[in-house]
Protein backbone atom coordinates (compact mmCIF):
# COMPACT_ATOMS: atom_id res chain seq x y z
CA MET A 1 66.45 130.52 161.15
CA LYS A 2 63.90 133.15 160.91
CA THR A 3 61.75 130.61 159.55
CA ARG A 4 62.32 128.26 162.49
CA VAL A 5 61.69 130.90 164.96
CA VAL A 6 58.19 131.41 162.95
CA ILE A 7 57.74 127.71 163.05
CA ALA A 8 58.36 127.81 166.63
CA LEU A 9 55.92 130.47 167.89
CA ALA A 10 53.17 128.89 165.52
CA LEU A 11 53.43 125.50 167.34
CA THR A 12 53.71 127.13 170.71
CA ALA A 13 50.93 129.64 170.19
CA ALA A 14 48.50 126.33 169.76
CA ALA A 15 49.78 124.33 172.28
CA VAL A 16 49.77 126.95 174.89
CA ARG A 17 45.62 126.72 173.69
CA LEU A 18 45.46 123.00 174.65
CA ILE A 19 45.79 124.31 178.27
CA PHE A 20 42.60 126.44 177.78
CA LEU A 21 40.90 123.75 176.04
CA HIS A 22 41.02 121.18 179.17
CA PHE A 23 41.14 123.13 181.98
CA LEU A 24 39.65 126.83 181.37
CA HIS A 25 37.14 126.81 178.32
CA PRO A 26 33.40 125.98 179.70
CA LEU A 27 31.48 123.97 177.57
CA ASN A 28 29.18 125.50 174.51
CA TRP A 29 25.89 124.71 174.17
CA ASP A 30 26.63 123.42 170.54
CA GLU A 31 29.26 121.10 172.15
CA ILE A 32 26.56 119.56 174.37
CA GLU A 33 24.50 118.61 171.61
CA TYR A 34 27.17 117.18 169.00
CA TRP A 35 28.60 114.80 172.08
CA ARG A 36 24.67 113.49 172.63
CA ALA A 37 24.47 113.36 168.58
CA THR A 38 27.85 111.18 168.14
CA SER A 39 27.26 109.39 171.22
CA TRP A 40 23.97 108.16 170.07
CA ILE A 41 25.66 107.36 167.03
CA ALA A 42 27.77 105.12 168.68
CA ASP A 43 25.27 103.60 170.79
CA GLY A 44 23.66 102.40 167.14
CA ARG A 45 21.24 104.83 166.74
CA LEU A 46 20.40 107.27 163.61
CA PRO A 47 20.09 110.36 163.27
CA PHE A 48 17.26 111.77 162.09
CA ARG A 49 15.59 108.28 162.33
CA ASP A 50 16.01 107.66 165.70
CA PHE A 51 16.77 111.42 166.99
CA TRP A 52 15.75 114.71 165.58
CA GLU A 53 18.68 116.82 164.37
CA HIS A 54 18.92 119.80 161.62
CA HIS A 55 22.65 119.36 161.06
CA THR A 56 24.28 117.08 158.24
CA PRO A 57 26.00 114.30 160.43
CA LEU A 58 29.54 113.56 159.20
CA MET A 59 31.38 114.67 162.04
CA TRP A 60 29.64 112.76 164.40
CA PHE A 61 30.07 109.30 162.56
CA LEU A 62 33.54 109.86 162.42
CA PHE A 63 33.97 111.08 166.37
CA ALA A 64 31.96 108.28 167.59
CA PRO A 65 34.34 105.85 168.31
CA PHE A 66 36.08 108.67 170.39
CA ALA A 67 33.02 109.07 172.42
CA MET A 68 32.89 105.61 173.56
CA LEU A 69 36.38 105.78 175.20
CA THR A 70 34.59 107.19 178.31
CA ASP A 71 31.36 107.08 180.69
CA THR A 72 31.60 109.81 182.64
CA PRO A 73 28.68 111.76 182.63
CA GLY A 74 30.35 115.16 183.28
CA VAL A 75 32.41 117.53 180.80
CA GLY A 76 35.19 115.34 180.77
CA ALA A 77 33.29 112.99 177.89
CA VAL A 78 32.89 115.98 175.69
CA ILE A 79 36.58 118.09 176.43
CA GLY A 80 37.75 113.79 175.52
CA LEU A 81 35.92 115.23 171.87
CA ARG A 82 37.84 118.26 172.08
CA TRP A 83 41.42 116.66 172.29
CA ALA A 84 40.30 113.98 169.24
CA GLN A 85 39.63 117.18 167.27
CA VAL A 86 43.13 118.56 167.74
CA LEU A 87 43.74 115.79 164.60
CA VAL A 88 41.43 117.64 162.27
CA TRP A 89 42.69 121.31 162.91
CA ILE A 90 46.40 119.84 162.11
CA GLY A 91 45.25 118.27 159.08
CA THR A 92 43.50 121.68 158.30
CA PHE A 93 46.85 123.26 158.49
CA TRP A 94 48.65 120.75 156.63
CA LEU A 95 46.38 121.21 154.03
CA ALA A 96 46.53 124.72 154.14
CA ASN A 97 50.59 125.10 154.06
CA LEU A 98 50.07 122.23 151.12
CA PHE A 99 48.11 124.77 148.97
CA MET A 100 50.36 127.43 149.74
CA ARG A 101 53.23 125.50 148.76
CA GLY A 102 51.45 125.13 145.70
CA ALA A 103 50.39 128.22 144.94
CA GLY A 104 53.98 129.50 144.81
CA ILE A 105 53.81 131.20 148.54
CA GLY A 106 57.28 130.52 150.32
CA ARG A 107 57.80 128.89 153.59
CA PHE A 108 58.31 132.05 155.88
CA ALA A 109 55.30 133.69 154.87
CA ARG A 110 53.25 129.93 154.93
CA TRP A 111 54.32 129.52 158.24
CA ALA A 112 54.00 133.35 159.44
CA ALA A 113 50.55 133.30 158.12
CA MET A 114 49.81 130.21 160.18
CA SER A 115 51.22 131.56 163.13
CA LEU A 116 48.73 134.82 162.65
CA ALA A 117 45.99 132.31 162.68
CA LEU A 118 47.02 130.53 165.68
CA SER A 119 47.38 132.71 167.52
CA SER A 120 44.17 134.73 167.55
CA SER A 121 41.39 134.27 169.78
CA LEU A 122 39.31 134.90 166.63
CA LEU A 123 39.65 131.25 165.20
CA MET A 124 41.25 129.26 168.47
CA ILE A 125 38.14 130.06 170.86
CA PRO A 126 35.99 128.45 168.34
CA ALA A 127 38.66 125.96 167.40
CA VAL A 128 39.13 124.17 170.55
CA GLU A 129 35.78 123.38 171.20
CA TYR A 130 33.96 120.03 169.44
CA ARG A 131 32.33 121.68 166.17
CA VAL A 132 30.82 120.67 162.84
CA ASP A 133 32.87 123.30 161.43
CA SER A 134 36.44 121.96 162.02
CA LEU A 135 35.92 118.92 159.76
CA GLY A 136 34.30 121.58 157.24
CA CYS A 137 37.10 123.34 157.28
CA MET A 138 39.77 120.78 156.95
CA LEU A 139 37.61 119.28 154.05
CA VAL A 140 37.07 122.59 152.00
CA MET A 141 41.13 122.91 152.27
CA ALA A 142 41.49 119.12 150.74
CA GLY A 143 39.09 120.23 148.20
CA LEU A 144 40.86 122.83 147.40
CA VAL A 145 44.26 121.49 147.35
CA LEU A 146 42.94 118.78 145.44
CA VAL A 147 41.55 121.24 142.45
CA GLN A 148 44.97 122.51 142.43
CA ARG A 149 46.49 119.44 141.51
CA GLU A 150 43.80 118.49 139.28
CA ARG A 151 42.40 115.63 140.95
CA PHE A 152 39.00 116.97 139.91
CA PHE A 153 36.88 113.49 140.86
CA LEU A 154 38.20 113.65 144.50
CA ALA A 155 37.72 117.44 144.97
CA GLY A 156 34.11 116.87 144.03
CA ALA A 157 33.57 114.00 146.39
CA VAL A 158 35.54 115.95 149.35
CA PHE A 159 33.45 119.52 148.51
CA CYS A 160 30.15 117.05 148.70
CA LEU A 161 31.45 115.59 152.17
CA ALA A 162 31.93 119.38 153.27
CA GLY A 163 28.26 119.85 152.89
CA PHE A 164 27.64 116.81 154.67
CA ALA A 165 29.70 117.56 157.35
CA ASN A 166 28.25 121.27 157.84
CA ILE A 167 25.47 121.87 155.73
CA ARG A 168 25.97 126.00 156.10
CA LEU A 169 28.71 125.50 153.58
CA GLY A 170 26.34 124.44 150.89
CA PRO A 171 26.13 128.08 149.12
CA MET A 172 30.28 127.92 148.79
CA LEU A 173 30.73 124.89 147.93
CA VAL A 174 28.58 125.33 144.78
CA VAL A 175 30.27 128.46 143.97
CA ALA A 176 33.51 126.56 144.13
CA VAL A 177 32.47 124.05 142.00
CA LEU A 178 31.02 126.49 139.30
CA LEU A 179 34.39 128.25 139.56
CA VAL A 180 36.09 125.37 139.08
CA LEU A 181 33.89 125.12 135.76
CA LEU A 182 34.76 128.33 134.63
CA THR A 183 38.29 128.72 135.41
CA ARG A 184 39.39 124.89 134.56
CA LYS A 185 37.05 124.68 131.55
CA LEU A 186 36.54 120.52 129.90
CA ARG A 187 39.01 119.22 132.00
CA ALA A 188 37.59 119.67 135.55
CA ALA A 189 34.03 118.26 134.21
CA PRO A 190 35.06 115.47 136.75
CA ILE A 191 34.48 117.48 139.58
CA VAL A 192 30.41 117.66 139.22
CA ALA A 193 31.06 113.67 138.66
CA GLY A 194 32.82 113.01 142.02
CA GLY A 195 30.55 115.26 143.80
CA PHE A 196 27.26 113.44 142.50
CA ALA A 197 28.73 109.88 143.54
CA ALA A 198 29.33 110.98 146.78
CA LEU A 199 26.06 112.40 147.33
CA ALA A 200 24.65 109.34 145.54
CA ALA A 201 26.68 107.14 148.35
CA CYS A 202 25.53 109.41 151.36
CA LEU A 203 21.93 109.36 150.44
CA ALA A 204 22.02 105.51 149.71
CA PHE A 205 23.22 104.51 153.45
CA PHE A 206 20.23 106.92 154.53
CA ALA A 207 17.47 105.31 152.16
CA ALA A 208 19.13 101.61 153.17
CA THR A 209 18.86 102.59 157.47
CA GLY A 210 15.26 104.30 156.75
CA SER A 211 16.03 107.74 157.15
CA LEU A 212 16.37 109.55 153.95
CA GLN A 213 13.08 110.88 154.25
CA GLN A 214 13.54 112.23 157.48
CA LEU A 215 16.72 113.55 156.71
CA TYR A 216 15.18 115.81 153.96
CA GLN A 217 12.27 116.83 156.23
CA GLN A 218 14.74 117.66 159.19
CA VAL A 219 17.63 119.11 157.14
CA TRP A 220 16.06 120.46 154.60
CA VAL A 221 12.10 121.62 155.10
CA GLU A 222 12.73 122.02 159.06
CA ASN A 223 15.82 124.35 158.07
CA LEU A 224 13.55 126.81 156.31
CA ALA A 225 11.58 127.93 159.26
CA GLU A 226 14.22 129.87 159.90
CA LYS A 227 12.62 132.85 157.82
CA TYR A 228 9.80 133.06 160.38
CA ALA A 229 13.04 134.15 163.24
CA THR A 230 13.72 137.43 163.77
CA PRO A 231 17.38 138.53 162.88
CA VAL A 232 19.69 139.60 165.78
CA GLN A 233 20.37 143.76 164.82
CA ALA A 234 24.08 143.90 163.92
CA GLY A 235 25.16 140.64 164.72
CA PHE A 236 27.84 140.66 162.09
CA ILE A 237 29.29 143.71 162.93
CA HIS A 238 29.33 143.28 166.39
CA ARG A 239 31.72 139.84 165.81
CA ILE A 240 33.52 141.94 163.39
CA LEU A 241 34.77 144.45 166.48
CA VAL A 242 35.05 141.84 169.06
CA PRO A 243 38.57 140.93 168.63
CA PHE A 244 39.24 144.87 169.08
CA GLY A 245 38.10 144.67 172.17
CA VAL A 246 34.40 146.13 170.96
CA ARG A 247 31.32 144.52 171.98
CA ILE A 248 27.74 146.24 171.27
CA ILE A 249 25.50 143.23 172.36
CA GLY A 250 25.67 141.13 174.86
CA SER A 251 27.89 142.41 177.26
CA ASP A 252 28.10 144.67 180.39
CA ARG A 253 31.06 146.81 179.19
CA LEU A 254 31.54 148.23 175.58
CA PHE A 255 35.41 148.39 175.45
CA GLU A 256 37.88 146.46 177.02
CA LEU A 257 41.55 146.48 176.73
CA ALA A 258 42.26 143.06 178.01
CA ALA A 259 39.88 141.40 175.29
CA VAL A 260 41.66 143.27 172.39
CA ASP A 261 42.91 140.10 170.03
CA VAL A 262 45.74 141.34 168.17
CA GLY A 263 46.18 138.15 165.92
CA GLY A 264 42.50 138.47 165.71
CA VAL A 265 42.81 142.21 164.55
CA THR A 266 45.67 141.42 162.12
CA VAL A 267 44.09 138.19 160.65
CA LEU A 268 41.16 140.81 159.51
CA LEU A 269 43.15 143.48 158.76
CA THR A 270 45.60 141.43 156.29
CA GLY A 271 43.42 138.96 155.23
CA VAL A 272 41.35 141.93 153.63
CA ALA A 273 44.61 143.25 152.15
CA GLY A 274 45.20 139.84 150.67
CA LEU A 275 41.32 139.81 149.51
CA TRP A 276 42.25 143.28 147.72
CA LEU A 277 45.36 141.87 146.00
CA ALA A 278 44.22 138.59 144.82
CA LEU A 279 41.44 139.86 143.84
CA ARG A 280 43.28 142.67 141.30
CA ARG A 281 44.85 139.47 139.57
CA TRP A 282 41.18 138.46 138.43
CA ARG A 283 42.81 137.95 134.36
CA GLU A 284 45.52 135.33 136.14
CA ARG A 285 42.76 133.13 137.54
CA GLY A 286 44.95 131.37 139.62
CA ASP A 287 44.89 129.76 142.60
CA LEU A 288 44.97 132.86 144.86
CA PHE A 289 42.06 134.67 142.97
CA ASN A 290 39.92 131.24 142.87
CA LEU A 291 40.54 130.97 146.93
CA SER A 292 39.51 135.22 147.28
CA VAL A 293 36.25 134.31 145.94
CA LEU A 294 35.12 131.66 148.24
CA ALA A 295 36.32 133.89 151.06
CA LEU A 296 34.43 136.71 149.59
CA THR A 297 31.33 134.49 149.27
CA ASN A 298 32.07 132.85 152.52
CA LEU A 299 31.82 136.38 154.23
CA PHE A 300 28.79 137.41 152.23
CA PHE A 301 26.52 134.39 153.44
CA THR A 302 28.01 134.76 156.95
CA ALA A 303 26.77 138.29 156.83
CA TYR A 304 23.91 137.54 155.90
CA MET A 305 23.09 134.63 158.77
CA LYS A 306 20.05 135.97 160.96
CA PHE A 307 22.31 134.80 163.49
CA ILE A 308 26.37 135.02 163.97
CA TYR A 309 28.55 133.59 166.28
CA ASN A 310 31.69 133.27 166.75
CA TYR A 311 32.83 130.05 165.17
CA HIS A 312 30.92 131.16 162.13
CA PHE A 313 34.63 132.83 161.34
CA ALA A 314 36.64 130.12 161.83
CA LEU A 315 36.73 129.48 157.96
CA VAL A 316 36.82 133.19 157.37
CA VAL A 317 40.29 132.74 159.07
CA VAL A 318 40.94 129.79 157.59
CA LEU A 319 40.49 131.00 153.84
CA PHE A 320 42.39 133.85 154.83
CA VAL A 321 45.79 132.14 156.08
CA PRO A 322 46.73 132.05 152.12
CA LEU A 323 45.79 135.51 151.24
CA ILE A 324 47.79 136.40 154.36
CA ALA A 325 51.07 134.41 153.74
CA MET A 326 50.57 136.12 149.92
CA VAL A 327 50.40 139.70 151.33
CA ILE A 328 53.99 138.81 153.30
CA ASP A 329 55.14 137.07 150.93
CA VAL A 330 54.77 139.99 148.49
CA CYS A 331 56.25 142.30 150.78
CA HIS A 332 59.07 140.58 153.22
CA PRO A 333 62.91 141.05 151.96
CA GLU A 334 63.45 137.45 150.53
CA ARG A 335 60.65 137.94 147.90
CA ARG A 336 61.53 141.23 147.76
CA ALA A 337 65.12 140.35 147.02
CA ARG A 338 63.99 137.45 144.05
CA ASP A 339 62.03 140.37 141.91
CA LEU A 340 64.81 142.59 142.63
CA GLY A 341 67.40 139.75 141.16
CA GLY A 342 70.60 138.99 143.46
CA ARG A 343 71.88 139.14 147.15
CA GLY A 344 71.79 142.65 147.25
CA GLY A 345 68.33 143.11 146.59
CA ALA A 346 67.86 140.96 149.83
CA GLU A 347 69.86 143.78 151.71
CA HIS A 348 68.63 146.52 149.95
CA SER A 349 64.76 146.13 151.07
CA ASP A 350 65.16 144.42 154.34
CA THR A 351 65.55 148.57 155.36
CA ARG A 352 63.29 149.42 152.95
CA SER A 353 60.20 147.10 153.25
CA PRO A 354 57.51 148.13 154.87
CA LEU A 355 56.86 144.81 155.95
CA GLY A 356 60.35 143.36 156.61
CA TYR A 357 61.00 140.87 159.05
CA ARG A 358 61.37 143.16 161.97
CA VAL A 359 57.69 144.38 161.20
CA VAL A 360 56.63 140.59 160.60
CA PHE A 361 58.49 139.22 163.91
CA ALA A 362 56.96 142.42 165.98
CA VAL A 363 53.66 140.94 164.93
CA LEU A 364 53.74 138.19 165.38
CA LEU A 365 55.50 138.17 168.83
CA LEU A 366 52.91 140.53 170.13
CA ALA A 367 50.12 138.30 169.13
CA TRP A 368 51.79 135.48 170.64
CA CYS A 369 52.05 136.87 173.72
CA VAL A 370 48.67 138.14 174.05
CA ASN A 371 47.07 134.58 172.67
CA ALA A 372 49.20 133.10 175.74
CA PHE A 373 47.93 135.39 178.16
CA ALA A 374 44.31 135.05 176.67
CA SER A 375 44.71 131.19 176.74
CA VAL A 376 45.70 131.26 180.44
CA PHE A 377 44.35 134.37 182.32
CA ARG A 378 40.96 134.97 180.28
CA GLY A 379 38.97 131.72 180.90
CA LYS A 380 35.86 130.49 182.88
CA GLU A 381 36.81 127.42 184.40
CA LEU A 382 34.47 128.18 187.26
CA ASP A 383 31.39 128.01 184.85
CA ARG A 384 33.12 124.88 183.51
CA ALA A 385 33.08 123.63 187.30
CA TYR A 386 29.66 124.39 187.56
CA GLN A 387 28.48 122.88 184.47
CA ASP A 388 30.44 119.53 185.41
CA LEU A 389 28.61 119.81 189.13
CA ILE A 390 24.94 119.85 187.00
CA MET A 391 25.94 117.31 184.89
CA ARG A 392 27.08 115.11 187.13
CA GLU A 393 24.54 116.11 189.72
CA VAL A 394 21.47 115.24 187.32
CA HIS A 395 23.58 111.54 186.46
CA THR A 396 23.63 111.21 190.53
CA ARG A 397 19.80 111.71 190.98
CA THR A 398 18.12 109.75 187.91
CA LYS A 399 18.63 106.17 187.10
CA PRO A 400 19.17 104.81 183.55
CA GLY A 401 16.47 105.45 181.21
CA ASP A 402 15.02 108.24 183.20
CA ALA A 403 14.06 111.37 180.83
CA VAL A 404 15.20 114.92 181.69
CA PHE A 405 13.86 117.97 180.44
CA SER A 406 15.68 120.50 179.73
CA GLY A 407 16.81 123.44 176.71
CA ILE A 408 20.43 121.49 176.53
CA PRO A 409 21.08 117.76 177.06
CA TRP A 410 22.79 118.68 180.05
CA GLY A 411 21.36 114.63 181.27
CA LEU A 412 24.69 113.28 178.89
CA ARG A 413 23.58 109.63 179.67
CA ARG A 414 19.87 109.84 180.28
CA GLU A 415 17.07 109.69 177.77
CA ALA A 416 15.17 113.16 176.45
CA ALA A 417 11.78 114.38 177.72
CA TYR A 418 11.09 115.61 174.33
CA TRP A 419 11.81 114.59 170.78
CA PHE A 420 13.43 118.48 170.18
CA TRP A 421 16.00 117.01 172.67
CA PHE A 422 17.43 120.36 172.93
CA LEU A 423 15.53 123.63 172.01
CA PRO A 424 17.59 126.06 170.01
CA GLU A 425 15.54 128.70 167.80
CA LEU A 426 14.52 126.23 165.30
CA PRO A 427 11.96 124.40 167.33
CA ARG A 428 10.93 127.38 168.70
CA GLN A 429 9.81 128.55 165.31
CA LEU A 430 8.49 125.11 164.20
CA VAL A 431 5.54 124.48 166.92
CA PRO A 432 4.57 127.91 166.94
CA GLN A 433 3.78 127.61 162.88
CA LYS A 434 2.23 124.29 163.65
CA LEU A 435 5.20 122.55 161.90
CA ALA A 436 5.66 120.72 165.01
CA ARG A 437 4.19 118.95 167.68
CA PRO A 438 4.66 120.90 171.32
CA TYR A 439 5.88 119.03 174.37
CA GLU A 440 3.27 116.47 175.54
CA MET A 441 4.04 115.32 179.49
CA ARG A 442 2.58 112.08 179.38
CA GLU A 443 5.17 111.04 181.74
CA PRO A 444 6.50 113.57 183.79
CA PRO A 445 10.53 113.81 183.65
CA ALA A 446 12.60 112.79 186.32
CA ALA A 447 14.53 116.32 186.42
CA VAL A 448 14.39 119.62 184.97
CA VAL A 449 17.35 121.52 184.20
CA PHE A 450 16.13 125.09 183.91
CA ASP A 451 18.56 126.44 181.48
CA HIS A 452 18.24 129.52 179.61
CA ASN A 453 16.74 127.72 176.18
CA LEU A 454 14.14 126.31 178.50
CA LEU A 455 13.52 129.62 180.12
CA LEU A 456 12.61 130.62 176.46
CA TRP A 457 10.55 127.51 175.87
CA LEU A 458 8.26 128.23 178.60
CA GLY A 459 8.06 132.13 178.45
CA ARG A 460 7.37 132.52 174.89
CA ILE A 461 6.01 128.66 173.77
CA GLN A 462 4.15 126.94 175.98
CA ARG A 463 3.28 128.95 178.94
CA GLU A 464 0.80 126.22 180.45
CA LEU A 465 4.07 124.20 181.00
CA ALA A 466 5.06 126.29 183.65
CA PRO A 467 2.69 126.33 186.40
CA TYR A 468 2.69 122.27 186.49
CA LEU A 469 6.85 122.36 186.52
CA ILE A 470 6.58 125.37 189.07
CA ARG A 471 4.18 123.46 191.58
CA HIS A 472 5.48 119.86 191.01
CA TYR A 473 9.41 120.73 191.05
CA ILE A 474 12.06 122.71 193.16
CA PRO A 475 15.24 123.52 192.72
CA VAL A 476 17.93 122.20 194.73
CA TRP A 477 20.61 123.97 193.18
CA ARG A 478 19.39 127.33 190.32
CA GLU A 479 19.28 125.52 187.31
CA LEU A 480 18.42 121.70 188.60
CA TRP A 481 14.60 121.38 189.59
CA ILE A 482 13.68 117.54 191.11
CA PRO A 483 10.02 116.31 191.71
CA GLY A 484 8.99 118.34 194.63
CA MET A 485 5.34 119.33 195.19
CA ASN A 486 5.29 122.24 196.88
CA ALA A 487 2.92 125.16 197.31
CA ARG A 488 2.40 128.40 200.15
CA LEU A 489 -1.09 127.89 201.81
CA ALA A 490 -2.68 130.98 203.22
CA PRO A 491 -5.11 129.89 206.40
CA GLY A 492 -7.56 127.87 204.99
CA ARG A 493 -6.67 127.55 201.48
CA ARG A 494 -6.21 123.89 199.91
CA PHE A 495 -4.16 122.86 197.27
CA GLU A 496 -4.00 120.00 194.83
CA TRP A 497 -0.70 118.22 193.47
CA THR A 498 -0.70 115.21 190.51
CA VAL A 499 2.13 112.96 191.51
CA PRO A 500 5.11 113.38 189.12
CA ARG A 501 6.86 110.33 190.13
CA ASP A 502 7.05 107.26 191.71
CA GLY A 503 8.56 107.27 195.10
CA GLU A 504 9.30 108.08 198.69
CA TYR A 505 8.36 111.68 199.66
CA ARG A 506 9.29 113.83 202.67
CA LEU A 507 6.84 116.16 203.95
CA HIS A 508 8.32 119.73 205.34
CA VAL A 509 5.57 122.55 206.11
CA SER A 510 7.68 126.03 207.66
CA ALA A 511 5.63 129.43 208.20
CA GLY A 512 9.68 130.93 207.47
CA LEU A 513 10.26 129.22 204.39
CA ALA A 514 6.49 130.66 203.42
CA ARG A 515 8.35 134.66 202.84
CA HIS A 516 10.50 132.73 200.49
CA PRO A 517 10.52 134.56 197.50
CA TRP A 518 10.26 131.30 195.41
CA PHE A 519 6.42 130.98 196.39
CA ARG A 520 5.76 134.54 195.42
CA ASP A 521 7.88 135.04 191.92
CA PRO A 522 9.04 131.28 190.79
CA ILE A 523 10.62 132.50 187.40
CA ARG A 524 12.40 135.45 188.21
CA THR A 525 13.79 133.63 191.80
CA ALA A 526 14.85 130.83 189.37
CA ILE A 527 16.70 132.61 186.94
CA TYR A 528 18.20 135.39 189.52
CA LYS A 529 21.89 135.89 189.59
CA ARG A 530 23.16 138.77 191.23
CA PRO A 531 26.20 138.63 193.34
CA ASP A 532 23.49 138.39 196.27
CA SER A 533 22.06 135.33 194.87
CA HIS A 534 23.15 133.23 197.52
CA ARG A 535 20.63 134.75 199.86
CA LEU A 536 17.76 132.63 198.14
CA ILE A 537 19.44 129.82 199.92
CA ALA A 538 17.00 127.93 202.17
CA ARG A 539 17.80 125.00 204.80
CA LEU A 540 14.40 122.93 205.61
CA PRO A 541 13.01 122.48 208.90
CA GLU A 542 12.59 118.43 209.74
CA THR A 543 10.00 116.21 208.39
CA SER A 544 6.42 117.42 209.77
CA ALA A 545 4.51 114.66 210.92
CA GLY A 546 2.23 116.65 213.33
CA ALA A 547 1.46 119.62 210.98
CA PRO A 548 -1.88 121.21 210.85
CA LEU A 549 -2.81 120.04 207.50
CA ASP A 550 -5.89 117.96 206.37
CA TRP A 551 -4.75 115.61 203.54
CA THR A 552 -6.61 113.70 200.93
CA VAL A 553 -5.51 111.03 198.39
CA ASP A 554 -7.19 110.34 195.06
CA GLY A 555 -10.14 112.33 196.76
CA GLN A 556 -9.99 109.85 199.99
CA PRO A 557 -9.01 111.29 203.37
CA ALA A 558 -5.64 110.57 204.63
CA GLN A 559 -3.07 111.02 207.14
CA LEU A 560 0.66 112.00 206.29
CA GLY A 561 3.31 110.63 208.30
CA GLU A 562 6.75 112.80 208.14
CA THR A 563 7.21 109.98 204.67
CA VAL A 564 4.52 108.63 202.39
CA ARG A 565 5.22 106.50 199.61
CA LEU A 566 3.33 108.13 196.57
CA ARG A 567 2.56 106.77 192.79
CA ARG A 568 2.80 108.72 189.92
CA GLY A 569 -0.35 110.18 189.11
CA GLN A 570 -2.10 109.92 192.04
CA ARG A 571 -3.87 112.91 193.17
CA ILE A 572 -3.10 114.54 196.57
CA ALA A 573 -4.35 117.82 198.22
CA ALA A 574 -3.51 119.53 200.96
CA THR A 575 -5.78 122.14 203.12
CA SER A 576 -4.42 124.53 205.76
CA ARG A 577 -5.63 124.97 209.08
CA ALA A 578 -2.56 127.03 210.40
CA ASN A 579 -3.12 130.63 211.54
CA VAL A 580 -0.67 132.00 209.23
CA PRO A 581 0.53 131.08 205.52
CA VAL A 582 2.67 128.11 205.75
CA ALA A 583 5.20 126.74 202.58
CA VAL A 584 4.46 122.79 201.96
CA ILE A 585 6.72 120.57 200.57
CA LEU A 586 6.95 117.25 199.37
CA LEU A 587 10.24 115.77 198.32
CA SER A 588 11.44 112.95 196.86
CA THR A 589 15.06 113.53 198.38
CA ASN A 590 16.63 113.66 201.35
CA ASP A 591 18.25 117.34 200.45
CA ARG A 592 18.23 119.89 203.14
CA VAL A 593 19.26 122.65 201.28
CA LEU A 594 17.66 124.00 198.78
CA PHE A 595 18.04 126.99 195.83
CA ARG A 596 21.56 126.03 195.94
CA GLN A 597 23.60 128.80 194.05
CA PRO A 598 27.66 128.65 192.24
CA PRO A 599 30.14 131.02 192.77
CA PRO A 600 28.73 134.73 192.48
CA GLY A 601 29.20 135.69 188.52
CA VAL A 602 29.56 131.52 188.00
CA THR A 603 26.13 130.63 184.89
CA LEU A 604 25.62 127.47 183.25
CA GLU A 605 25.57 128.90 180.38
CA ALA A 606 28.74 130.61 181.11
CA GLU A 607 27.02 133.90 179.46
CA THR A 608 28.98 136.53 181.88
CA THR A 609 31.76 138.62 180.52
CA ARG A 610 35.21 137.12 180.35
CA ILE A 611 37.57 138.98 183.14
CA THR A 612 41.49 138.47 183.71
CA HIS A 613 42.34 136.79 186.59
CA VAL A 614 44.89 133.76 188.12
CA PRO A 615 43.24 130.47 186.88
CA GLU A 616 42.62 127.37 189.19
CA LEU A 617 43.58 124.69 187.17
CA GLY A 618 41.54 121.65 187.88
CA VAL A 619 39.14 123.37 189.53
CA ARG A 620 35.95 121.62 191.28
CA LEU A 621 32.46 122.30 192.93
CA GLU A 622 31.22 119.59 195.14
CA PRO A 623 27.74 119.09 196.16
């Protein structure tokens, strides 16, 4: 009966997170990258040869069929792959259960440990996201089960595939193979053959498709450029403290009681205790000892990384699960009863065991309640809705084949303007070191999404692009810029533009708009996210046919009406004859409102700290 209750806690803890997965959790940047790579593979493109990447791509090949099931341009496309990925996590915990059973851990302890992990935000926040880490976790557990059953050739192949799912696991996988060879001696030699067989098959595929050289260049050579990056100080400590409700980086508050993750805290503390217990048994060199060495190796390499994110702890938790189960199994009454021998021993230990059933159930129930609370009342559904709005707006305002310039590929079904179709830290190191070409704007993009990564790119890497983008594009939403030539002209001043896109442009001239902060400090205006950002919203005046301006097109005097059809590359200039400064805007759409803002506190990158609130399931923001 007690085991059934623990199983129910585990299953319902996972089930309640599905609400979070579908309705409340905004997209992470990586999810959009991974979806785009998956979708391109579904379209017949190959990574490295047809588009740039720095991850190993097994996950995307496996999930490509799922990406074909929807044609939505919004967040629903990525959420569909989140749902498909649930199967991977089911497989991971099924394999963990098999491993623990093979290691001699009792059923109650196995399910109690899994319930604890499934009740922790430490695991479940990254677990609901579409990530390469999920497949990596499953393949690592599959390899450990195969080693346990002495299927060494298959284990070697699976460990190799885990590296093709997530290259970050490489050092730990090498340690895993060496550990098996050390503890199982010559009979484990096929693990090397299995690894090389899988490696040869994967490399043969890339060689046959003409992408092997680029795989080496992008995944191996270019990834090494991260050595030029400046690490985030105390990043590992920050991530360890987050389950305790403490944030020392990237937050407006140091401690928040509602952010305490009871499941995550218990996973960390009990997992470390399990590490200690397992490492003490080093003379036995059994399954749990080997697992503890891998868990410690994984922790070491995670701490060594320059940039540490919450999803880096997914495998930490998965590897801790058997160690937590070992602690519970060693200490809970049934195990102590077996050690003492007989029924009476069980009764005796039930009253004296420090980790008896009551304590275990109390911790599990508290972790379950906190997990349910966090799953429902700590969402960021408005950020998710704003992401969906921007993604759909990009799709609506562009056409197939158009290119979008952004730091994250928000235009899911549009082309990228740059070979580096997303702009993480790595390209920001490659270009300054002259290991890759900068963006050359041979053909201006159809839209610009001015997200955080693009801000960093323009501020640190290619500052020369900013003046052109600012004067030839204008925000219709805070982060979404469309072709719109604009300038503030003082009396007698002249400004010249190069038309970015073919189309019909509408002329708006206003003395009032000349006072808008965009014309004084455009970058600060574009990133202004304080609660009073709605003051930036501007309504355009009627189109201005008789404005006091002198125009030239390609150096020839011209008369402009309310609308004018222009071609990309034409040079158009205006000279003001007005007595006061005026704002001049040549807009490529019929929009009457510019600089629209999301609700206060809502951001495209979901960067603000979570707050406790009653959720709005299914909320949408309308253009």
